């Protein structure tokens, strides 16, 4: 496997597996905050649930914003999503 193939596999792993996993974790954190808040019987437990919801929303917002910014910049500068061809060193 050459270096370019390694980078392609690495980038595909990040784009197709890691990023959706992190977004799913942020959504789960938000939903867990809802569950904790609804089932809480004390103010401190409600505060913990509220914090989970807030940080879940912040995480989702940041990830979607960066994703949108990258899409806008890619479209503005006419870039492609394929990595450049690397020279073969022998």
PDB file of N, CA and C in Angstrom:
ATOM      1  N   UNK A   1       0.857  -1.176   0.000  1.00  0.00           N
ATOM      2  CA  UNK A   1       0.000   0.000   0.000  1.00  0.00           C
ATOM      3  C   UNK A   1       0.901   1.236   0.000  1.00  0.00           C
ATOM      4  N   UNK A   2       0.685   2.111  -0.957  1.00  0.00           N
ATOM      5  CA  UNK A   2       1.496   3.318  -1.018  1.00  0.00           C
ATOM      6  C   UNK A   2       0.908   4.396  -0.104  1.00  0.00           C
ATOM      7  N   UNK A   3       1.614   5.495  -0.001  1.00  0.00           N
ATOM      8  CA  UNK A   3       1.228   6.569   0.915  1.00  0.00           C
ATOM      9  C   UNK A   3      -0.101   7.199   0.539  1.00  0.00           C
ATOM     10  N   UNK A   4      -0.357   7.381  -0.737  1.00  0.00           N
ATOM     11  CA  UNK A   4      -1.612   7.994  -1.172  1.00  0.00           C
ATOM     12  C   UNK A   4      -2.801   7.106  -0.817  1.00  0.00           C
ATOM     13  N   UNK A   5      -2.677   5.815  -1.007  1.00  0.00           N
ATOM     14  CA  UNK A   5      -3.757   4.895  -0.652  1.00  0.00           C
ATOM     15  C   UNK A   5      -4.004   4.910   0.846  1.00  0.00           C
ATOM     16  N   UNK A   6      -2.922   5.001   1.615  1.00  0.00           N
ATOM     17  CA  UNK A   6      -3.066   5.081   3.070  1.00  0.00           C
ATOM     18  C   UNK A   6      -3.847   6.322   3.473  1.00  0.00           C
ATOM     19  N   UNK A   7      -3.515   7.462   2.876  1.00  0.00           N
ATOM     20  CA  UNK A   7      -4.235   8.702   3.196  1.00  0.00           C
ATOM     21  C   UNK A   7      -5.691   8.636   2.769  1.00  0.00           C
ATOM     22  N   UNK A   8      -5.976   8.019   1.633  1.00  0.00           N
ATOM     23  CA  UNK A   8      -7.363   7.864   1.193  1.00  0.00           C
ATOM     24  C   UNK A   8      -8.163   7.020   2.174  1.00  0.00           C
ATOM     25  N   UNK A   9      -7.577   5.928   2.627  1.00  0.00           N
ATOM     26  CA  UNK A   9      -8.257   5.080   3.611  1.00  0.00           C
ATOM     27  C   UNK A   9      -8.466   5.845   4.907  1.00  0.00           C
ATOM     28  N   UNK A  10      -7.465   6.578   5.336  1.00  0.00           N
ATOM     29  CA  UNK A  10      -7.548   7.357   6.574  1.00  0.00           C
ATOM     30  C   UNK A  10      -8.621   8.436   6.475  1.00  0.00           C
ATOM     31  N   UNK A  11      -8.662   9.179   5.374  1.00  0.00           N
ATOM     32  CA  UNK A  11      -9.665  10.222   5.195  1.00  0.00           C
ATOM     33  C   UNK A  11     -11.071   9.639   5.091  1.00  0.00           C
ATOM     34  N   UNK A  12     -11.220   8.525   4.401  1.00  0.00           N
ATOM     35  CA  UNK A  12     -12.526   7.879   4.314  1.00  0.00           C
ATOM     36  C   UNK A  12     -12.991   7.389   5.675  1.00  0.00           C
ATOM     37  N   UNK A  13     -12.072   6.888   6.486  1.00  0.00           N
ATOM     38  CA  UNK A  13     -12.423   6.453   7.835  1.00  0.00           C
ATOM     39  C   UNK A  13     -12.931   7.623   8.663  1.00  0.00           C
ATOM     40  N   UNK A  14     -12.257   8.747   8.572  1.00  0.00           N
ATOM     41  CA  UNK A  14     -12.681   9.927   9.328  1.00  0.00           C
ATOM     42  C   UNK A  14     -14.026  10.431   8.822  1.00  0.00           C
ATOM     43  N   UNK A  15     -14.167  10.595   7.518  1.00  0.00           N
ATOM     44  CA  UNK A  15     -15.390  11.175   6.957  1.00  0.00           C
ATOM     45  C   UNK A  15     -16.598  10.257   7.070  1.00  0.00           C
ATOM     46  N   UNK A  16     -16.408   8.966   6.933  1.00  0.00           N
ATOM     47  CA  UNK A  16     -17.537   8.052   6.868  1.00  0.00           C
ATOM     48  C   UNK A  16     -17.836   7.333   8.175  1.00  0.00           C
ATOM     49  N   UNK A  17     -16.916   7.361   9.126  1.00  0.00           N
ATOM     50  CA  UNK A  17     -17.154   6.640  10.375  1.00  0.00           C
ATOM     51  C   UNK A  17     -17.011   7.534  11.600  1.00  0.00           C
ATOM     52  N   UNK A  18     -15.932   8.274  11.682  1.00  0.00           N
ATOM     53  CA  UNK A  18     -15.648   9.023  12.902  1.00  0.00           C
ATOM     54  C   UNK A  18     -16.571  10.228  13.082  1.00  0.00           C
ATOM     55  N   UNK A  19     -16.755  11.016  12.054  1.00  0.00           N
ATOM     56  CA  UNK A  19     -17.598  12.210  12.171  1.00  0.00           C
ATOM     57  C   UNK A  19     -19.052  11.847  12.467  1.00  0.00           C
ATOM     58  N   UNK A  20     -19.663  10.883  11.745  1.00  0.00           N
ATOM     59  CA  UNK A  20     -21.029  10.506  12.126  1.00  0.00           C
ATOM     60  C   UNK A  20     -21.126   9.945  13.548  1.00  0.00           C
ATOM     61  N   UNK A  21     -20.084   9.249  13.993  1.00  0.00           N
ATOM     62  CA  UNK A  21     -20.086   8.727  15.355  1.00  0.00           C
ATOM     63  C   UNK A  21     -20.085   9.855  16.381  1.00  0.00           C
ATOM     64  N   UNK A  22     -19.280  10.865  16.164  1.00  0.00           N
ATOM     65  CA  UNK A  22     -19.203  11.989  17.096  1.00  0.00           C
ATOM     66  C   UNK A  22     -20.522  12.772  17.103  1.00  0.00           C
ATOM     67  N   UNK A  23     -21.130  12.967  15.947  1.00  0.00           N
ATOM     68  CA  UNK A  23     -22.429  13.644  15.890  1.00  0.00           C
ATOM     69  C   UNK A  23     -23.482  12.811  16.630  1.00  0.00           C
ATOM     70  N   UNK A  24     -23.453  11.503  16.434  1.00  0.00           N
ATOM     71  CA  UNK A  24     -24.400  10.634  17.133  1.00  0.00           C
ATOM     72  C   UNK A  24     -24.197  10.692  18.643  1.00  0.00           C
ATOM     73  N   UNK A  25     -22.953  10.769  19.090  1.00  0.00           N
ATOM     74  CA  UNK A  25     -22.686  10.894  20.523  1.00  0.00           C
ATOM     75  C   UNK A  25     -23.218  12.206  21.080  1.00  0.00           C
ATOM     76  N   UNK A  26     -23.104  13.278  20.321  1.00  0.00           N
ATOM     77  CA  UNK A  26     -23.647  14.569  20.769  1.00  0.00           C
ATOM     78  C   UNK A  26     -25.165  14.513  20.862  1.00  0.00           C
ATOM     79  N   UNK A  27     -25.807  13.868  19.907  1.00  0.00           N
ATOM     80  CA  UNK A  27     -27.265  13.718  19.951  1.00  0.00           C
ATOM     81  C   UNK A  27     -27.665  12.852  21.145  1.00  0.00           C
ATOM     82  N   UNK A  28     -26.921  11.772  21.384  1.00  0.00           N
ATOM     83  CA  UNK A  28     -27.203  10.927  22.546  1.00  0.00           C
ATOM     84  C   UNK A  28     -27.003  11.680  23.859  1.00  0.00           C
ATOM     85  N   UNK A  29     -25.998  12.546  23.930  1.00  0.00           N
ATOM     86  CA  UNK A  29     -25.796  13.354  25.139  1.00  0.00           C
ATOM     87  C   UNK A  29     -26.988  14.276  25.369  1.00  0.00           C
ATOM     88  N   UNK A  30     -27.498  14.869  24.307  1.00  0.00           N
ATOM     89  CA  UNK A  30     -28.674  15.721  24.424  1.00  0.00           C
ATOM     90  C   UNK A  30     -29.889  14.917  24.899  1.00  0.00           C
ATOM     91  N   UNK A  31     -30.120  13.759  24.283  1.00  0.00           N
ATOM     92  CA  UNK A  31     -31.256  12.927  24.680  1.00  0.00           C
ATOM     93  C   UNK A  31     -31.106  12.407  26.107  1.00  0.00           C
ATOM     94  N   UNK A  32     -29.888  12.059  26.506  1.00  0.00           N
ATOM     95  CA  UNK A  32     -29.648  11.629  27.881  1.00  0.00           C
ATOM     96  C   UNK A  32     -29.948  12.771  28.854  1.00  0.00           C
ATOM     97  N   UNK A  33     -29.608  13.977  28.477  1.00  0.00           N
ATOM     98  CA  UNK A  33     -29.930  15.135  29.312  1.00  0.00           C
ATOM     99  C   UNK A  33     -31.429  15.299  29.484  1.00  0.00           C
ATOM    100  N   UNK A  34     -32.193  15.046  28.420  1.00  0.00           N
ATOM    101  CA  UNK A  34     -33.655  15.117  28.519  1.00  0.00           C
ATOM    102  C   UNK A  34     -34.171  14.067  29.501  1.00  0.00           C
ATOM    103  N   UNK A  35     -33.659  12.845  29.388  1.00  0.00           N
ATOM    104  CA  UNK A  35     -34.095  11.763  30.276  1.00  0.00           C
ATOM    105  C   UNK A  35     -33.758  12.087  31.718  1.00  0.00           C
ATOM    106  N   UNK A  36     -32.545  12.540  31.964  1.00  0.00           N
ATOM    107  CA  UNK A  36     -32.129  12.870  33.331  1.00  0.00           C
ATOM    108  C   UNK A  36     -32.977  14.016  33.878  1.00  0.00           C
ATOM    109  N   UNK A  37     -33.249  15.008  33.070  1.00  0.00           N
ATOM    110  CA  UNK A  37     -34.034  16.167  33.519  1.00  0.00           C
ATOM    111  C   UNK A  37     -35.470  15.762  33.852  1.00  0.00           C
ATOM    112  N   UNK A  38     -36.077  14.952  33.003  1.00  0.00           N
ATOM    113  CA  UNK A  38     -37.478  14.566  33.214  1.00  0.00           C
ATOM    114  C   UNK A  38     -37.618  13.650  34.428  1.00  0.00           C
ATOM    115  N   UNK A  39     -36.676  12.735  34.616  1.00  0.00           N
ATOM    116  CA  UNK A  39     -36.773  11.775  35.709  1.00  0.00           C
ATOM    117  C   UNK A  39     -36.176  12.284  37.025  1.00  0.00           C
ATOM    118  N   UNK A  40     -35.618  13.480  37.023  1.00  0.00           N
ATOM    119  CA  UNK A  40     -34.954  14.005  38.219  1.00  0.00           C
ATOM    120  C   UNK A  40     -35.978  14.374  39.287  1.00  0.00           C
ATOM    121  N   UNK A  41     -35.577  14.142  40.535  1.00  0.00           N
ATOM    122  CA  UNK A  41     -36.445  14.522  41.636  1.00  0.00           C
ATOM    123  C   UNK A  41     -35.834  15.624  42.503  1.00  0.00           C
ATOM    124  N   UNK A  42     -34.611  16.008  42.214  1.00  0.00           N
ATOM    125  CA  UNK A  42     -33.978  17.095  42.959  1.00  0.00           C
ATOM    126  C   UNK A  42     -33.477  18.164  41.985  1.00  0.00           C
ATOM    127  N   UNK A  43     -33.212  19.327  42.551  1.00  0.00           N
ATOM    128  CA  UNK A  43     -32.737  20.434  41.713  1.00  0.00           C
ATOM    129  C   UNK A  43     -31.337  20.169  41.149  1.00  0.00           C
ATOM    130  N   UNK A  44     -30.487  19.504  41.922  1.00  0.00           N
ATOM    131  CA  UNK A  44     -29.135  19.229  41.426  1.00  0.00           C
ATOM    132  C   UNK A  44     -29.172  18.230  40.260  1.00  0.00           C
ATOM    133  N   UNK A  45     -30.074  17.258  40.315  1.00  0.00           N
ATOM    134  CA  UNK A  45     -30.202  16.309  39.207  1.00  0.00           C
ATOM    135  C   UNK A  45     -30.777  16.999  37.979  1.00  0.00           C
ATOM    136  N   UNK A  46     -31.726  17.915  38.175  1.00  0.00           N
ATOM    137  CA  UNK A  46     -32.272  18.681  37.053  1.00  0.00           C
ATOM    138  C   UNK A  46     -31.180  19.548  36.424  1.00  0.00           C
ATOM    139  N   UNK A  47     -30.323  20.118  37.253  1.00  0.00           N
ATOM    140  CA  UNK A  47     -29.210  20.933  36.749  1.00  0.00           C
ATOM    141  C   UNK A  47     -28.246  20.079  35.921  1.00  0.00           C
ATOM    142  N   UNK A  48     -27.984  18.858  36.376  1.00  0.00           N
ATOM    143  CA  UNK A  48     -27.104  17.960  35.629  1.00  0.00           C
ATOM    144  C   UNK A  48     -27.710  17.619  34.269  1.00  0.00           C
ATOM    145  N   UNK A  49     -28.999  17.343  34.231  1.00  0.00           N
ATOM    146  CA  UNK A  49     -29.673  17.057  32.971  1.00  0.00           C
ATOM    147  C   UNK A  49     -29.677  18.257  32.045  1.00  0.00           C
ATOM    148  N   UNK A  50     -29.896  19.438  32.614  1.00  0.00           N
ATOM    149  CA  UNK A  50     -29.884  20.665  31.813  1.00  0.00           C
ATOM    150  C   UNK A  50     -28.506  20.902  31.217  1.00  0.00           C
ATOM    151  N   UNK A  51     -27.454  20.628  31.975  1.00  0.00           N
ATOM    152  CA  UNK A  51     -26.093  20.799  31.459  1.00  0.00           C
ATOM    153  C   UNK A  51     -25.801  19.826  30.318  1.00  0.00           C
ATOM    154  N   UNK A  52     -26.277  18.584  30.443  1.00  0.00           N
ATOM    155  CA  UNK A  52     -26.109  17.625  29.343  1.00  0.00           C
ATOM    156  C   UNK A  52     -26.809  18.133  28.087  1.00  0.00           C
ATOM    157  N   UNK A  53     -28.018  18.648  28.245  1.00  0.00           N
ATOM    158  CA  UNK A  53     -28.756  19.150  27.081  1.00  0.00           C
ATOM    159  C   UNK A  53     -28.033  20.328  26.440  1.00  0.00           C
ATOM    160  N   UNK A  54     -27.565  21.249  27.251  1.00  0.00           N
ATOM    161  CA  UNK A  54     -26.874  22.436  26.724  1.00  0.00           C
ATOM    162  C   UNK A  54     -25.607  22.039  25.978  1.00  0.00           C
ATOM    163  N   UNK A  55     -24.773  21.178  26.580  1.00  0.00           N
ATOM    164  CA  UNK A  55     -23.519  20.793  25.931  1.00  0.00           C
ATOM    165  C   UNK A  55     -23.763  19.916  24.716  1.00  0.00           C
ATOM    166  N   UNK A  56     -24.841  19.133  24.735  1.00  0.00           N
ATOM    167  CA  UNK A  56     -25.197  18.363  23.543  1.00  0.00           C
ATOM    168  C   UNK A  56     -25.564  19.276  22.389  1.00  0.00           C
ATOM    169  N   UNK A  57     -26.356  20.311  22.670  1.00  0.00           N
ATOM    170  CA  UNK A  57     -26.736  21.272  21.634  1.00  0.00           C
ATOM    171  C   UNK A  57     -25.515  22.050  21.140  1.00  0.00           C
ATOM    172  N   UNK A  58     -24.657  22.454  22.059  1.00  0.00           N
ATOM    173  CA  UNK A  58     -23.439  23.176  21.667  1.00  0.00           C
ATOM    174  C   UNK A  58     -22.565  22.303  20.765  1.00  0.00           C
ATOM    175  N   UNK A  59     -22.409  21.032  21.124  1.00  0.00           N
ATOM    176  CA  UNK A  59     -21.607  20.127  20.313  1.00  0.00           C
ATOM    177  C   UNK A  59     -22.184  19.937  18.918  1.00  0.00           C
ATOM    178  N   UNK A  60     -23.491  19.728  18.847  1.00  0.00           N
ATOM    179  CA  UNK A  60     -24.145  19.565  17.544  1.00  0.00           C
ATOM    180  C   UNK A  60     -23.987  20.836  16.719  1.00  0.00           C
ATOM    181  N   UNK A  61     -24.210  21.998  17.335  1.00  0.00           N
ATOM    182  CA  UNK A  61     -24.099  23.268  16.632  1.00  0.00           C
ATOM    183  C   UNK A  61     -22.693  23.491  16.080  1.00  0.00           C
ATOM    184  N   UNK A  62     -21.690  23.238  16.885  1.00  0.00           N
ATOM    185  CA  UNK A  62     -20.305  23.453  16.446  1.00  0.00           C
ATOM    186  C   UNK A  62     -19.955  22.522  15.287  1.00  0.00           C
ATOM    187  N   UNK A  63     -20.327  21.247  15.404  1.00  0.00           N
ATOM    188  CA  UNK A  63     -19.977  20.296  14.346  1.00  0.00           C
ATOM    189  C   UNK A  63     -20.693  20.619  13.032  1.00  0.00           C
ATOM    190  N   UNK A  64     -21.969  20.953  13.114  1.00  0.00           N
ATOM    191  CA  UNK A  64     -22.710  21.275  11.895  1.00  0.00           C
ATOM    192  C   UNK A  64     -22.210  22.595  11.303  1.00  0.00           C
ATOM    193  N   UNK A  65     -21.856  23.557  12.146  1.00  0.00           N
ATOM    194  CA  UNK A  65     -21.336  24.836  11.656  1.00  0.00           C
ATOM    195  C   UNK A  65     -20.012  24.661  10.925  1.00  0.00           C
ATOM    196  N   UNK A  66     -19.115  23.887  11.496  1.00  0.00           N
ATOM    197  CA  UNK A  66     -17.819  23.651  10.850  1.00  0.00           C
ATOM    198  C   UNK A  66     -18.019  22.889   9.545  1.00  0.00           C
ATOM    199  N   UNK A  67     -18.914  21.910   9.557  1.00  0.00           N
ATOM    200  CA  UNK A  67     -19.219  21.145   8.348  1.00  0.00           C
ATOM    201  C   UNK A  67     -19.754  22.065   7.255  1.00  0.00           C
ATOM    202  N   UNK A  68     -20.659  22.981   7.613  1.00  0.00           N
ATOM    203  CA  UNK A  68     -21.195  23.942   6.646  1.00  0.00           C
ATOM    204  C   UNK A  68     -20.136  24.911   6.152  1.00  0.00           C
ATOM    205  N   UNK A  69     -19.281  25.381   7.062  1.00  0.00           N
ATOM    206  CA  UNK A  69     -18.209  26.300   6.675  1.00  0.00           C
ATOM    207  C   UNK A  69     -17.245  25.637   5.696  1.00  0.00           C
ATOM    208  N   UNK A  70     -16.908  24.398   5.948  1.00  0.00           N
ATOM    209  CA  UNK A  70     -16.022  23.680   5.026  1.00  0.00           C
ATOM    210  C   UNK A  70     -16.698  23.526   3.662  1.00  0.00           C
ATOM    211  N   UNK A  71     -17.992  23.239   3.653  1.00  0.00           N
ATOM    212  CA  UNK A  71     -18.717  23.093   2.383  1.00  0.00           C
ATOM    213  C   UNK A  71     -18.760  24.418   1.627  1.00  0.00           C
ATOM    214  N   UNK A  72     -18.974  25.527   2.321  1.00  0.00           N
ATOM    215  CA  UNK A  72     -19.009  26.842   1.673  1.00  0.00           C
ATOM    216  C   UNK A  72     -17.633  27.195   1.114  1.00  0.00           C
ATOM    217  N   UNK A  73     -16.585  26.983   1.892  1.00  0.00           N
ATOM    218  CA  UNK A  73     -15.237  27.304   1.425  1.00  0.00           C
ATOM    219  C   UNK A  73     -14.832  26.407   0.258  1.00  0.00           C
ATOM    220  N   UNK A  74     -15.200  25.139   0.333  1.00  0.00           N
ATOM    221  CA  UNK A  74     -14.888  24.224  -0.764  1.00  0.00           C
ATOM    222  C   UNK A  74     -15.584  24.662  -2.043  1.00  0.00           C
ATOM    223  N   UNK A  75     -16.850  25.047  -1.935  1.00  0.00           N
ATOM    224  CA  UNK A  75     -17.583  25.506  -3.107  1.00  0.00           C
ATOM    225  C   UNK A  75     -17.096  26.851  -3.623  1.00  0.00           C
ATOM    226  N   UNK A  76     -16.710  27.736  -2.716  1.00  0.00           N
ATOM    227  CA  UNK A  76     -16.261  29.077  -3.115  1.00  0.00           C
ATOM    228  C   UNK A  76     -14.947  29.045  -3.882  1.00  0.00           C
ATOM    229  N   UNK A  77     -14.051  28.183  -3.459  1.00  0.00           N
ATOM    230  CA  UNK A  77     -12.746  28.128  -4.094  1.00  0.00           C
ATOM    231  C   UNK A  77     -12.646  27.038  -5.152  1.00  0.00           C
ATOM    232  N   UNK A  78     -13.744  26.348  -5.428  1.00  0.00           N
ATOM    233  CA  UNK A  78     -13.755  25.328  -6.465  1.00  0.00           C
ATOM    234  C   UNK A  78     -12.886  24.130  -6.151  1.00  0.00           C
ATOM    235  N   UNK A  79     -12.780  23.790  -4.890  1.00  0.00           N
ATOM    236  CA  UNK A  79     -11.957  22.657  -4.493  1.00  0.00           C
ATOM    237  C   UNK A  79     -12.749  21.367  -4.642  1.00  0.00           C
ATOM    238  N   UNK A  80     -12.041  20.279  -4.764  1.00  0.00           N
ATOM    239  CA  UNK A  80     -12.692  18.976  -4.837  1.00  0.00           C
ATOM    240  C   UNK A  80     -12.416  18.209  -3.552  1.00  0.00           C
ATOM    241  N   UNK A  81     -13.178  17.175  -3.351  1.00  0.00           N
ATOM    242  CA  UNK A  81     -12.991  16.389  -2.134  1.00  0.00           C
ATOM    243  C   UNK A  81     -11.974  15.267  -2.314  1.00  0.00           C
ATOM    244  N   UNK A  82     -11.380  15.180  -3.487  1.00  0.00           N
ATOM    245  CA  UNK A  82     -10.355  14.159  -3.697  1.00  0.00           C
ATOM    246  C   UNK A  82      -9.003  14.723  -3.307  1.00  0.00           C
ATOM    247  N   UNK A  83      -8.200  13.941  -2.630  1.00  0.00           N
ATOM    248  CA  UNK A  83      -6.886  14.435  -2.222  1.00  0.00           C
ATOM    249  C   UNK A  83      -5.955  14.538  -3.429  1.00  0.00           C
ATOM    250  N   UNK A  84      -4.955  15.384  -3.335  1.00  0.00           N
ATOM    251  CA  UNK A  84      -4.022  15.528  -4.455  1.00  0.00           C
ATOM    252  C   UNK A  84      -3.193  14.259  -4.632  1.00  0.00           C
ATOM    253  N   UNK A  85      -2.664  14.097  -5.815  1.00  0.00           N
ATOM    254  CA  UNK A  85      -1.809  12.955  -6.108  1.00  0.00           C
ATOM    255  C   UNK A  85      -0.438  13.220  -5.517  1.00  0.00           C
ATOM    256  N   UNK A  86       0.004  12.280  -4.717  1.00  0.00           N
ATOM    257  CA  UNK A  86       1.320  12.422  -4.080  1.00  0.00           C
ATOM    258  C   UNK A  86       2.387  11.794  -4.965  1.00  0.00           C
ATOM    259  N   UNK A  87       3.572  12.378  -4.978  1.00  0.00           N
ATOM    260  CA  UNK A  87       4.648  11.782  -5.785  1.00  0.00           C
ATOM    261  C   UNK A  87       5.115  10.464  -5.151  1.00  0.00           C
ATOM    262  N   UNK A  88       5.516   9.558  -5.990  1.00  0.00           N
ATOM    263  CA  UNK A  88       6.017   8.270  -5.520  1.00  0.00           C
ATOM    264  C   UNK A  88       7.519   8.393  -5.306  1.00  0.00           C
ATOM    265  N   UNK A  89       7.926   8.144  -4.076  1.00  0.00           N
ATOM    266  CA  UNK A  89       9.355   8.213  -3.714  1.00  0.00           C
ATOM    267  C   UNK A  89       9.908   6.799  -3.724  1.00  0.00           C
ATOM    268  N   UNK A  90      10.978   6.600  -4.485  1.00  0.00           N
ATOM    269  CA  UNK A  90      11.578   5.263  -4.559  1.00  0.00           C
ATOM    270  C   UNK A  90      12.989   5.283  -4.079  1.00  0.00           C
TER     271      UNK A  90
END
